[in-house]
Amino acid sequence: MVVLLIPNATKDQNLTVTSCAANLLKQYGVQVLVTDDVVLPASFPKVTVLPEQEAYRQTDVVLTIGGDGTLLRSGYSCVRFGKPVLGVNLGRTGFLATCEVEELPGKLRRMADGNYKITQRGLLSASMPQKGWQTQAINDVVVFGETRMHPMDYSVYCDGCFVSSYRSDGLILATPTGSTAYSFSAGGPVLDGLADVMVLTPVCAHNVHTAPLVFAANRALEIVADADNRDLCYACADSGPRNTLLPGEKICITAASERLQLITFQESEQFCAIENKLMRR
């Protein structure tokens, strides 16, 4: 087996946890790779250093060390190259990065032995046809106004049919994976990570009866910025670069054909994370 380590040097200072993971993997007979943009301390175990794309091509499994954000950032490359990923959690929560530091010896042993399962997580594909812009999202696509002094008006269509109009600070369209992130903070439901759906959650809607809506993943949604909006709107995927949505323009969102492959060791892993890291906080 070949494993690519993707550390977050800000959270893993001096790459202490990454070094521990490398030593364990080598003890278990695993070849360890790192990308050539990682600055390795002199005490780091001997590993193979490769350019990023070549490292992803050669690896069997990706191991991120940081938190959910670290896994998200490398997740796009994992999807592109079809590689499963396991996240080691050094962050505050860890819904995606579910391996805690104290679990490293046991879980890395099981991974080296091939004693794990892969769960497929759905992604979103977002595009602005009028601008030739297209991207993917592991967590969510968010549409928001330039200023919160003036809530924006949006109309939502599903498969070409009008669903509802919203006056709000924004709209979140989240995957089941992203349902525990921004969508949850805005009052959205927690979804089973394996569910083939997406959820639309308004942000601070100016209507007490507004509720999140869950759509089947095979639906095609359109969010239209009202032509009478006073300010510009923006759209972004997974908190990435924002793209301008002029009054009257729309963003189209569908399920992506690609999937993120997450390594898990037990069927109840997601529900344990929800219970221990969300409900008991």
C-alpha atoms as a PDB file:
ATOM      1  CA  MET A   1       0.000   0.000   0.000  1.00  0.00           C
ATOM      2  CA  VAL A   2       1.041   3.594  -0.710  1.00  0.00           C
ATOM      3  CA  VAL A   3      -0.262   6.466   1.449  1.00  0.00           C
ATOM      4  CA  LEU A   4       0.024  10.184   0.701  1.00  0.00           C
ATOM      5  CA  LEU A   5       0.247  12.468   3.754  1.00  0.00           C
ATOM      6  CA  ILE A   6      -1.306  15.940   3.466  1.00  0.00           C
ATOM      7  CA  PRO A   7      -0.500  17.899   6.648  1.00  0.00           C
ATOM      8  CA  ASN A   8      -1.753  21.283   7.821  1.00  0.00           C
ATOM      9  CA  ALA A   9       1.461  22.845   9.101  1.00  0.00           C
ATOM     10  CA  THR A  10      -0.481  25.531  11.002  1.00  0.00           C
ATOM     11  CA  LYS A  11      -2.367  22.998  13.122  1.00  0.00           C
ATOM     12  CA  ASP A  12       0.377  20.372  13.218  1.00  0.00           C
ATOM     13  CA  GLN A  13       3.296  22.500  14.319  1.00  0.00           C
ATOM     14  CA  ASN A  14       6.683  20.943  13.570  1.00  0.00           C
ATOM     15  CA  LEU A  15       4.654  18.172  11.853  1.00  0.00           C
ATOM     16  CA  THR A  16       4.672  16.200  15.100  1.00  0.00           C
ATOM     17  CA  VAL A  17       1.482  14.243  14.366  1.00  0.00           C
ATOM     18  CA  THR A  18       2.408  13.818  10.702  1.00  0.00           C
ATOM     19  CA  SER A  19       5.780  12.392  11.732  1.00  0.00           C
ATOM     20  CA  CYS A  20       4.036   9.978  14.104  1.00  0.00           C
ATOM     21  CA  ALA A  21       1.689   8.870  11.320  1.00  0.00           C
ATOM     22  CA  ALA A  22       4.626   8.368   8.930  1.00  0.00           C
ATOM     23  CA  ASN A  23       6.525   6.246  11.461  1.00  0.00           C
ATOM     24  CA  LEU A  24       3.466   4.094  12.182  1.00  0.00           C
ATOM     25  CA  LEU A  25       2.738   3.542   8.502  1.00  0.00           C
ATOM     26  CA  LYS A  26       6.350   2.564   7.799  1.00  0.00           C
ATOM     27  CA  GLN A  27       6.202   0.090  10.699  1.00  0.00           C
ATOM     28  CA  TYR A  28       3.104  -1.404   9.069  1.00  0.00           C
ATOM     29  CA  GLY A  29       4.941  -1.881   5.766  1.00  0.00           C
ATOM     30  CA  VAL A  30       3.345   1.071   3.966  1.00  0.00           C
ATOM     31  CA  GLN A  31       5.182   3.314   1.514  1.00  0.00           C
ATOM     32  CA  VAL A  32       4.730   6.965   2.535  1.00  0.00           C
ATOM     33  CA  LEU A  33       4.556   9.926   0.140  1.00  0.00           C
ATOM     34  CA  VAL A  34       4.489  13.677   0.721  1.00  0.00           C
ATOM     35  CA  THR A  35       4.194  16.464  -1.819  1.00  0.00           C
ATOM     36  CA  ASP A  36       7.200  18.639  -2.618  1.00  0.00           C
ATOM     37  CA  ASP A  37       5.576  21.792  -1.205  1.00  0.00           C
ATOM     38  CA  VAL A  38       5.733  20.408   2.362  1.00  0.00           C
ATOM     39  CA  VAL A  39       8.694  21.646   4.397  1.00  0.00           C
ATOM     40  CA  LEU A  40       9.926  18.617   6.340  1.00  0.00           C
ATOM     41  CA  PRO A  41      11.904  19.053   9.574  1.00  0.00           C
ATOM     42  CA  ALA A  42      15.302  17.366   9.776  1.00  0.00           C
ATOM     43  CA  SER A  43      13.943  14.773  12.213  1.00  0.00           C
ATOM     44  CA  PHE A  44      11.146  13.655   9.844  1.00  0.00           C
ATOM     45  CA  PRO A  45      11.197   9.972   8.823  1.00  0.00           C
ATOM     46  CA  LYS A  46      12.548   9.126   5.394  1.00  0.00           C
ATOM     47  CA  VAL A  47       9.687   9.318   2.884  1.00  0.00           C
ATOM     48  CA  THR A  48       9.250   9.740  -0.864  1.00  0.00           C
ATOM     49  CA  VAL A  49       8.770  13.349  -1.986  1.00  0.00           C
ATOM     50  CA  LEU A  50       6.902  13.934  -5.271  1.00  0.00           C
ATOM     51  CA  PRO A  51       5.163  16.757  -7.154  1.00  0.00           C
ATOM     52  CA  GLU A  52       1.539  17.017  -6.096  1.00  0.00           C
ATOM     53  CA  GLN A  53      -0.140  15.528  -9.167  1.00  0.00           C
ATOM     54  CA  GLU A  54       2.333  12.652  -9.389  1.00  0.00           C
ATOM     55  CA  ALA A  55       1.868  11.925  -5.683  1.00  0.00           C
ATOM     56  CA  TYR A  56      -1.908  11.688  -6.131  1.00  0.00           C
ATOM     57  CA  ARG A  57      -1.469   9.411  -9.137  1.00  0.00           C
ATOM     58  CA  GLN A  58       0.819   7.000  -7.297  1.00  0.00           C
ATOM     59  CA  THR A  59      -0.957   6.806  -3.960  1.00  0.00           C
ATOM     60  CA  ASP A  60      -3.604   4.300  -2.922  1.00  0.00           C
ATOM     61  CA  VAL A  61      -4.944   6.317  -0.003  1.00  0.00           C
ATOM     62  CA  VAL A  62      -4.727   9.958   1.112  1.00  0.00           C
ATOM     63  CA  LEU A  63      -4.284  10.791   4.813  1.00  0.00           C
ATOM     64  CA  THR A  64      -4.935  14.400   5.795  1.00  0.00           C
ATOM     65  CA  ILE A  65      -3.686  15.752   9.121  1.00  0.00           C
ATOM     66  CA  GLY A  66      -5.472  18.890  10.314  1.00  0.00           C
ATOM     67  CA  GLY A  67      -9.238  19.087  10.388  1.00  0.00           C
ATOM     68  CA  ASP A  68     -12.297  19.204   8.180  1.00  0.00           C
ATOM     69  CA  GLY A  69     -10.922  22.194   6.268  1.00  0.00           C
ATOM     70  CA  THR A  70      -7.712  20.325   5.457  1.00  0.00           C
ATOM     71  CA  LEU A  71      -9.699  17.367   4.165  1.00  0.00           C
ATOM     72  CA  LEU A  72     -11.974  19.658   2.147  1.00  0.00           C
ATOM     73  CA  ARG A  73      -9.030  21.365   0.446  1.00  0.00           C
ATOM     74  CA  SER A  74      -7.443  18.066  -0.564  1.00  0.00           C
ATOM     75  CA  GLY A  75     -10.850  16.536  -1.261  1.00  0.00           C
ATOM     76  CA  TYR A  76     -11.053  18.024  -4.743  1.00  0.00           C
ATOM     77  CA  SER A  77      -7.803  16.316  -5.752  1.00  0.00           C
ATOM     78  CA  CYS A  78      -9.015  13.072  -4.143  1.00  0.00           C
ATOM     79  CA  VAL A  79     -12.172  13.298  -6.262  1.00  0.00           C
ATOM     80  CA  ARG A  80     -10.228  14.164  -9.403  1.00  0.00           C
ATOM     81  CA  PHE A  81      -7.838  11.232  -9.049  1.00  0.00           C
ATOM     82  CA  GLY A  82     -10.397   8.831  -7.562  1.00  0.00           C
ATOM     83  CA  LYS A  83      -8.532   8.300  -4.267  1.00  0.00           C
ATOM     84  CA  PRO A  84     -10.134   7.506  -0.884  1.00  0.00           C
ATOM     85  CA  VAL A  85      -9.228   9.774   2.031  1.00  0.00           C
ATOM     86  CA  LEU A  86      -9.008   9.472   5.809  1.00  0.00           C
ATOM     87  CA  GLY A  87      -8.782  12.620   7.920  1.00  0.00           C
ATOM     88  CA  VAL A  88      -6.900  12.940  11.205  1.00  0.00           C
ATOM     89  CA  ASN A  89      -8.656  15.544  13.342  1.00  0.00           C
ATOM     90  CA  LEU A  90      -6.602  18.329  14.910  1.00  0.00           C
ATOM     91  CA  GLY A  91      -9.488  20.789  14.660  1.00  0.00           C
ATOM     92  CA  ARG A  92     -12.394  21.632  16.926  1.00  0.00           C
ATOM     93  CA  THR A  93     -15.066  19.315  15.560  1.00  0.00           C
ATOM     94  CA  GLY A  94     -14.194  16.796  12.882  1.00  0.00           C
ATOM     95  CA  PHE A  95     -17.230  15.513  10.971  1.00  0.00           C
ATOM     96  CA  LEU A  96     -15.116  14.613   7.945  1.00  0.00           C
ATOM     97  CA  ALA A  97     -11.796  14.108   9.706  1.00  0.00           C
ATOM     98  CA  THR A  98     -13.015  11.409  12.070  1.00  0.00           C
ATOM     99  CA  CYS A  99      -9.703   9.851  13.176  1.00  0.00           C
ATOM    100  CA  GLU A 100      -8.566  11.327  16.492  1.00  0.00           C
ATOM    101  CA  VAL A 101      -4.850  11.443  17.303  1.00  0.00           C
ATOM    102  CA  GLU A 102      -5.138   8.780  19.992  1.00  0.00           C
ATOM    103  CA  GLU A 103      -6.756   6.457  17.442  1.00  0.00           C
ATOM    104  CA  LEU A 104      -3.838   6.640  14.991  1.00  0.00           C
ATOM    105  CA  PRO A 105      -2.101   3.347  15.883  1.00  0.00           C
ATOM    106  CA  GLY A 106      -5.254   1.238  15.639  1.00  0.00           C
ATOM    107  CA  LYS A 107      -6.853   2.898  12.622  1.00  0.00           C
ATOM    108  CA  LEU A 108      -3.637   3.133  10.598  1.00  0.00           C
ATOM    109  CA  ARG A 109      -2.995  -0.561  11.298  1.00  0.00           C
ATOM    110  CA  ARG A 110      -6.471  -1.403  10.012  1.00  0.00           C
ATOM    111  CA  MET A 111      -5.978   0.815   6.986  1.00  0.00           C
ATOM    112  CA  ALA A 112      -2.632  -0.836   6.188  1.00  0.00           C
ATOM    113  CA  ASP A 113      -4.324  -4.229   6.448  1.00  0.00           C
ATOM    114  CA  GLY A 114      -7.128  -3.125   4.125  1.00  0.00           C
ATOM    115  CA  ASN A 115      -9.597  -3.547   6.968  1.00  0.00           C
ATOM    116  CA  TYR A 116     -11.796  -0.548   6.217  1.00  0.00           C
ATOM    117  CA  LYS A 117     -14.842   0.506   4.224  1.00  0.00           C
ATOM    118  CA  ILE A 118     -15.352   3.327   1.760  1.00  0.00           C
ATOM    119  CA  THR A 119     -18.444   5.520   1.876  1.00  0.00           C
ATOM    120  CA  GLN A 120     -19.404   7.542  -1.175  1.00  0.00           C
ATOM    121  CA  ARG A 121     -20.357  11.170  -0.502  1.00  0.00           C
ATOM    122  CA  GLY A 122     -22.257  13.206  -3.085  1.00  0.00           C
ATOM    123  CA  LEU A 123     -21.027  16.549  -4.439  1.00  0.00           C
ATOM    124  CA  LEU A 124     -22.797  19.514  -6.016  1.00  0.00           C
ATOM    125  CA  SER A 125     -22.069  20.988  -9.423  1.00  0.00           C
ATOM    126  CA  ALA A 126     -22.742  24.742  -9.689  1.00  0.00           C
ATOM    127  CA  SER A 127     -22.648  26.860 -12.825  1.00  0.00           C
ATOM    128  CA  MET A 128     -23.500  30.314 -14.105  1.00  0.00           C
ATOM    129  CA  PRO A 129     -24.354  29.736 -17.780  1.00  0.00           C
ATOM    130  CA  GLN A 130     -24.287  33.452 -18.525  1.00  0.00           C
ATOM    131  CA  LYS A 131     -20.634  33.640 -17.466  1.00  0.00           C
ATOM    132  CA  GLY A 132     -19.263  30.223 -18.391  1.00  0.00           C
ATOM    133  CA  TRP A 133     -18.396  29.595 -14.716  1.00  0.00           C
ATOM    134  CA  GLN A 134     -18.620  26.130 -13.208  1.00  0.00           C
ATOM    135  CA  THR A 135     -17.372  24.523  -9.996  1.00  0.00           C
ATOM    136  CA  GLN A 136     -18.027  21.705  -7.537  1.00  0.00           C
ATOM    137  CA  ALA A 137     -18.817  21.706  -3.830  1.00  0.00           C
ATOM    138  CA  ILE A 138     -18.275  19.028  -1.216  1.00  0.00           C
ATOM    139  CA  ASN A 139     -20.133  20.965   1.504  1.00  0.00           C
ATOM    140  CA  ASP A 140     -22.309  23.689   0.032  1.00  0.00           C
ATOM    141  CA  VAL A 141     -23.006  26.417  -2.478  1.00  0.00           C
ATOM    142  CA  VAL A 142     -23.975  29.754  -0.893  1.00  0.00           C
ATOM    143  CA  VAL A 143     -25.639  32.771  -2.479  1.00  0.00           C
ATOM    144  CA  PHE A 144     -25.453  36.006  -0.488  1.00  0.00           C
ATOM    145  CA  GLY A 145     -25.836  39.765  -0.833  1.00  0.00           C
ATOM    146  CA  GLU A 146     -23.129  42.397  -0.883  1.00  0.00           C
ATOM    147  CA  THR A 147     -24.362  43.929   2.350  1.00  0.00           C
ATOM    148  CA  ARG A 148     -26.685  42.775   5.107  1.00  0.00           C
ATOM    149  CA  MET A 149     -28.174  46.273   5.300  1.00  0.00           C
ATOM    150  CA  HIS A 150     -30.361  45.300   2.336  1.00  0.00           C
ATOM    151  CA  PRO A 151     -31.678  41.706   2.262  1.00  0.00           C
ATOM    152  CA  MET A 152     -31.828  40.281  -1.248  1.00  0.00           C
ATOM    153  CA  ASP A 153     -34.767  38.709  -3.076  1.00  0.00           C
ATOM    154  CA  TYR A 154     -34.300  35.305  -4.707  1.00  0.00           C
ATOM    155  CA  SER A 155     -36.512  32.930  -6.648  1.00  0.00           C
ATOM    156  CA  VAL A 156     -35.918  29.177  -6.643  1.00  0.00           C
ATOM    157  CA  TYR A 157     -36.917  26.806  -9.448  1.00  0.00           C
ATOM    158  CA  CYS A 158     -36.765  23.003  -9.447  1.00  0.00           C
ATOM    159  CA  ASP A 159     -36.654  21.263 -12.836  1.00  0.00           C
ATOM    160  CA  GLY A 160     -37.961  24.496 -14.337  1.00  0.00           C
ATOM    161  CA  CYS A 161     -40.929  24.766 -11.949  1.00  0.00           C
ATOM    162  CA  PHE A 162     -41.254  27.679  -9.532  1.00  0.00           C
ATOM    163  CA  VAL A 163     -40.712  26.590  -5.903  1.00  0.00           C
ATOM    164  CA  SER A 164     -40.689  29.766  -3.815  1.00  0.00           C
ATOM    165  CA  SER A 165     -39.324  33.264  -3.450  1.00  0.00           C
ATOM    166  CA  TYR A 166     -37.160  34.355  -0.526  1.00  0.00           C
ATOM    167  CA  ARG A 167     -36.180  37.683   0.975  1.00  0.00           C
ATOM    168  CA  SER A 168     -33.145  36.825   3.071  1.00  0.00           C
ATOM    169  CA  ASP A 169     -29.475  37.427   3.744  1.00  0.00           C
ATOM    170  CA  GLY A 170     -28.707  34.437   1.538  1.00  0.00           C
ATOM    171  CA  LEU A 171     -29.457  30.858   0.537  1.00  0.00           C
ATOM    172  CA  ILE A 172     -27.428  27.730   1.249  1.00  0.00           C
ATOM    173  CA  LEU A 173     -27.676  24.614  -0.863  1.00  0.00           C
ATOM    174  CA  ALA A 174     -25.875  21.852   1.004  1.00  0.00           C
ATOM    175  CA  THR A 175     -24.939  18.236   0.427  1.00  0.00           C
ATOM    176  CA  PRO A 176     -25.613  15.709   3.199  1.00  0.00           C
ATOM    177  CA  THR A 177     -21.905  16.077   4.049  1.00  0.00           C
ATOM    178  CA  GLY A 178     -22.336  19.842   4.368  1.00  0.00           C
ATOM    179  CA  SER A 179     -25.577  19.612   6.338  1.00  0.00           C
ATOM    180  CA  THR A 180     -23.613  19.752   9.621  1.00  0.00           C
ATOM    181  CA  ALA A 181     -21.770  22.925   8.581  1.00  0.00           C
ATOM    182  CA  TYR A 182     -23.182  26.359   7.606  1.00  0.00           C
ATOM    183  CA  SER A 183     -26.602  24.939   6.745  1.00  0.00           C
ATOM    184  CA  PHE A 184     -27.004  23.528  10.258  1.00  0.00           C
ATOM    185  CA  SER A 185     -25.992  26.883  11.789  1.00  0.00           C
ATOM    186  CA  ALA A 186     -28.737  28.535   9.733  1.00  0.00           C
ATOM    187  CA  GLY A 187     -31.374  26.094  11.009  1.00  0.00           C
ATOM    188  CA  GLY A 188     -31.103  23.342   8.420  1.00  0.00           C
ATOM    189  CA  PRO A 189     -31.555  19.629   9.214  1.00  0.00           C
ATOM    190  CA  VAL A 190     -28.737  17.134   9.768  1.00  0.00           C
ATOM    191  CA  LEU A 191     -28.858  14.643   6.900  1.00  0.00           C
ATOM    192  CA  ASP A 192     -27.633  11.085   6.666  1.00  0.00           C
ATOM    193  CA  GLY A 193     -24.295  11.360   4.854  1.00  0.00           C
ATOM    194  CA  LEU A 194     -25.291   8.592   2.456  1.00  0.00           C
ATOM    195  CA  ALA A 195     -28.646  10.111   1.528  1.00  0.00           C
ATOM    196  CA  ASP A 196     -29.018  11.031  -2.146  1.00  0.00           C
ATOM    197  CA  VAL A 197     -30.464  14.495  -1.491  1.00  0.00           C
ATOM    198  CA  MET A 198     -29.582  18.175  -1.125  1.00  0.00           C
ATOM    199  CA  VAL A 199     -31.044  20.748   1.250  1.00  0.00           C
ATOM    200  CA  LEU A 200     -31.923  24.404   0.623  1.00  0.00           C
ATOM    201  CA  THR A 201     -31.626  26.524   3.774  1.00  0.00           C
ATOM    202  CA  PRO A 202     -32.456  30.266   3.860  1.00  0.00           C
ATOM    203  CA  VAL A 203     -30.214  32.546   5.925  1.00  0.00           C
ATOM    204  CA  CYS A 204     -32.144  34.977   8.146  1.00  0.00           C
ATOM    205  CA  ALA A 205     -35.262  34.916   5.967  1.00  0.00           C
ATOM    206  CA  HIS A 206     -37.767  37.741   6.431  1.00  0.00           C
ATOM    207  CA  ASN A 207     -40.652  35.311   6.820  1.00  0.00           C
ATOM    208  CA  VAL A 208     -41.299  33.364  10.007  1.00  0.00           C
ATOM    209  CA  HIS A 209     -42.879  30.516   8.028  1.00  0.00           C
ATOM    210  CA  THR A 210     -39.843  29.870   5.826  1.00  0.00           C
ATOM    211  CA  ALA A 211     -38.391  26.390   6.296  1.00  0.00           C
ATOM    212  CA  PRO A 212     -35.515  24.426   4.757  1.00  0.00           C
ATOM    213  CA  LEU A 213     -36.426  22.241   1.782  1.00  0.00           C
ATOM    214  CA  VAL A 214     -34.906  18.859   0.909  1.00  0.00           C
ATOM    215  CA  PHE A 215     -34.670  17.902  -2.768  1.00  0.00           C
ATOM    216  CA  ALA A 216     -33.779  14.642  -4.467  1.00  0.00           C
ATOM    217  CA  ALA A 217     -30.258  14.729  -5.875  1.00  0.00           C
ATOM    218  CA  ASN A 218     -31.482  14.126  -9.425  1.00  0.00           C
ATOM    219  CA  ARG A 219     -33.276  17.482  -9.429  1.00  0.00           C
ATOM    220  CA  ALA A 220     -31.924  20.543 -11.229  1.00  0.00           C
ATOM    221  CA  LEU A 221     -32.238  23.728  -9.188  1.00  0.00           C
ATOM    222  CA  GLU A 222     -31.957  27.346 -10.254  1.00  0.00           C
ATOM    223  CA  ILE A 223     -31.505  30.286  -7.900  1.00  0.00           C
ATOM    224  CA  VAL A 224     -32.342  33.606  -9.571  1.00  0.00           C
ATOM    225  CA  ALA A 225     -31.285  36.947  -8.109  1.00  0.00           C
ATOM    226  CA  ASP A 226     -34.304  39.245  -8.398  1.00  0.00           C
ATOM    227  CA  ALA A 227     -33.942  41.877 -11.132  1.00  0.00           C
ATOM    228  CA  ASP A 228     -35.033  44.582  -8.653  1.00  0.00           C
ATOM    229  CA  ASN A 229     -32.332  43.855  -6.057  1.00  0.00           C
ATOM    230  CA  ARG A 230     -30.554  47.012  -4.959  1.00  0.00           C
ATOM    231  CA  ASP A 231     -27.128  45.451  -4.623  1.00  0.00           C
ATOM    232  CA  LEU A 232     -25.022  42.749  -6.189  1.00  0.00           C
ATOM    233  CA  CYS A 233     -25.243  39.147  -5.064  1.00  0.00           C
ATOM    234  CA  TYR A 234     -22.432  36.617  -4.945  1.00  0.00           C
ATOM    235  CA  ALA A 235     -22.131  32.850  -5.099  1.00  0.00           C
ATOM    236  CA  CYS A 236     -19.345  30.674  -3.727  1.00  0.00           C
ATOM    237  CA  ALA A 237     -18.673  26.968  -3.277  1.00  0.00           C
ATOM    238  CA  ASP A 238     -17.174  25.640  -0.039  1.00  0.00           C
ATOM    239  CA  SER A 239     -16.185  29.172   1.052  1.00  0.00           C
ATOM    240  CA  GLY A 240     -14.047  29.538  -2.073  1.00  0.00           C
ATOM    241  CA  PRO A 241     -13.707  32.605  -4.335  1.00  0.00           C
ATOM    242  CA  ARG A 242     -16.948  34.494  -4.742  1.00  0.00           C
ATOM    243  CA  ASN A 243     -18.530  35.101  -8.140  1.00  0.00           C
ATOM    244  CA  THR A 244     -20.795  38.038  -8.927  1.00  0.00           C
ATOM    245  CA  LEU A 245     -24.471  37.346  -9.543  1.00  0.00           C
ATOM    246  CA  LEU A 246     -25.991  40.422 -11.159  1.00  0.00           C
ATOM    247  CA  PRO A 247     -29.689  41.294 -10.692  1.00  0.00           C
ATOM    248  CA  GLY A 248     -31.682  38.952 -12.919  1.00  0.00           C
ATOM    249  CA  GLU A 249     -28.882  36.398 -13.271  1.00  0.00           C
ATOM    250  CA  LYS A 250     -29.103  32.812 -12.064  1.00  0.00           C
ATOM    251  CA  ILE A 251     -26.960  30.002 -10.709  1.00  0.00           C
ATOM    252  CA  CYS A 252     -27.742  26.408 -11.661  1.00  0.00           C
ATOM    253  CA  ILE A 253     -27.065  23.585  -9.221  1.00  0.00           C
ATOM    254  CA  THR A 254     -27.205  19.838  -9.787  1.00  0.00           C
ATOM    255  CA  ALA A 255     -25.647  16.753  -8.238  1.00  0.00           C
ATOM    256  CA  ALA A 256     -22.140  16.107  -9.566  1.00  0.00           C
ATOM    257  CA  SER A 257     -21.353  12.792 -11.199  1.00  0.00           C
ATOM    258  CA  GLU A 258     -18.179  12.413  -9.109  1.00  0.00           C
ATOM    259  CA  ARG A 259     -18.123  11.242  -5.483  1.00  0.00           C
ATOM    260  CA  LEU A 260     -15.825  11.827  -2.531  1.00  0.00           C
ATOM    261  CA  GLN A 261     -14.613   8.523  -1.088  1.00  0.00           C
ATOM    262  CA  LEU A 262     -14.263   8.609   2.702  1.00  0.00           C
ATOM    263  CA  ILE A 263     -12.546   5.811   4.609  1.00  0.00           C
ATOM    264  CA  THR A 264     -14.580   4.563   7.569  1.00  0.00           C
ATOM    265  CA  PHE A 265     -14.114   1.770  10.068  1.00  0.00           C
ATOM    266  CA  GLN A 266     -17.646   1.325  11.387  1.00  0.00           C
ATOM    267  CA  GLU A 267     -21.151   1.907  10.064  1.00  0.00           C
ATOM    268  CA  SER A 268     -22.082   4.212  12.944  1.00  0.00           C
ATOM    269  CA  GLU A 269     -19.120   6.600  12.527  1.00  0.00           C
ATOM    270  CA  GLN A 270     -21.170   9.550  11.268  1.00  0.00           C
ATOM    271  CA  PHE A 271     -23.824   9.134  13.962  1.00  0.00           C
ATOM    272  CA  CYS A 272     -21.178   8.895  16.697  1.00  0.00           C
ATOM    273  CA  ALA A 273     -19.710  12.178  15.438  1.00  0.00           C
ATOM    274  CA  ILE A 274     -23.143  13.823  15.470  1.00  0.00           C
ATOM    275  CA  GLU A 275     -23.895  12.601  18.987  1.00  0.00           C
ATOM    276  CA  ASN A 276     -20.485  13.325  20.530  1.00  0.00           C
ATOM    277  CA  LYS A 277     -19.403  16.432  18.640  1.00  0.00           C
ATOM    278  CA  LEU A 278     -22.669  18.184  17.857  1.00  0.00           C
ATOM    279  CA  MET A 279     -25.391  17.213  20.303  1.00  0.00           C
ATOM    280  CA  ARG A 280     -23.175  17.279  23.421  1.00  0.00           C
ATOM    281  CA  ARG A 281     -21.258  20.480  22.718  1.00  0.00           C
END
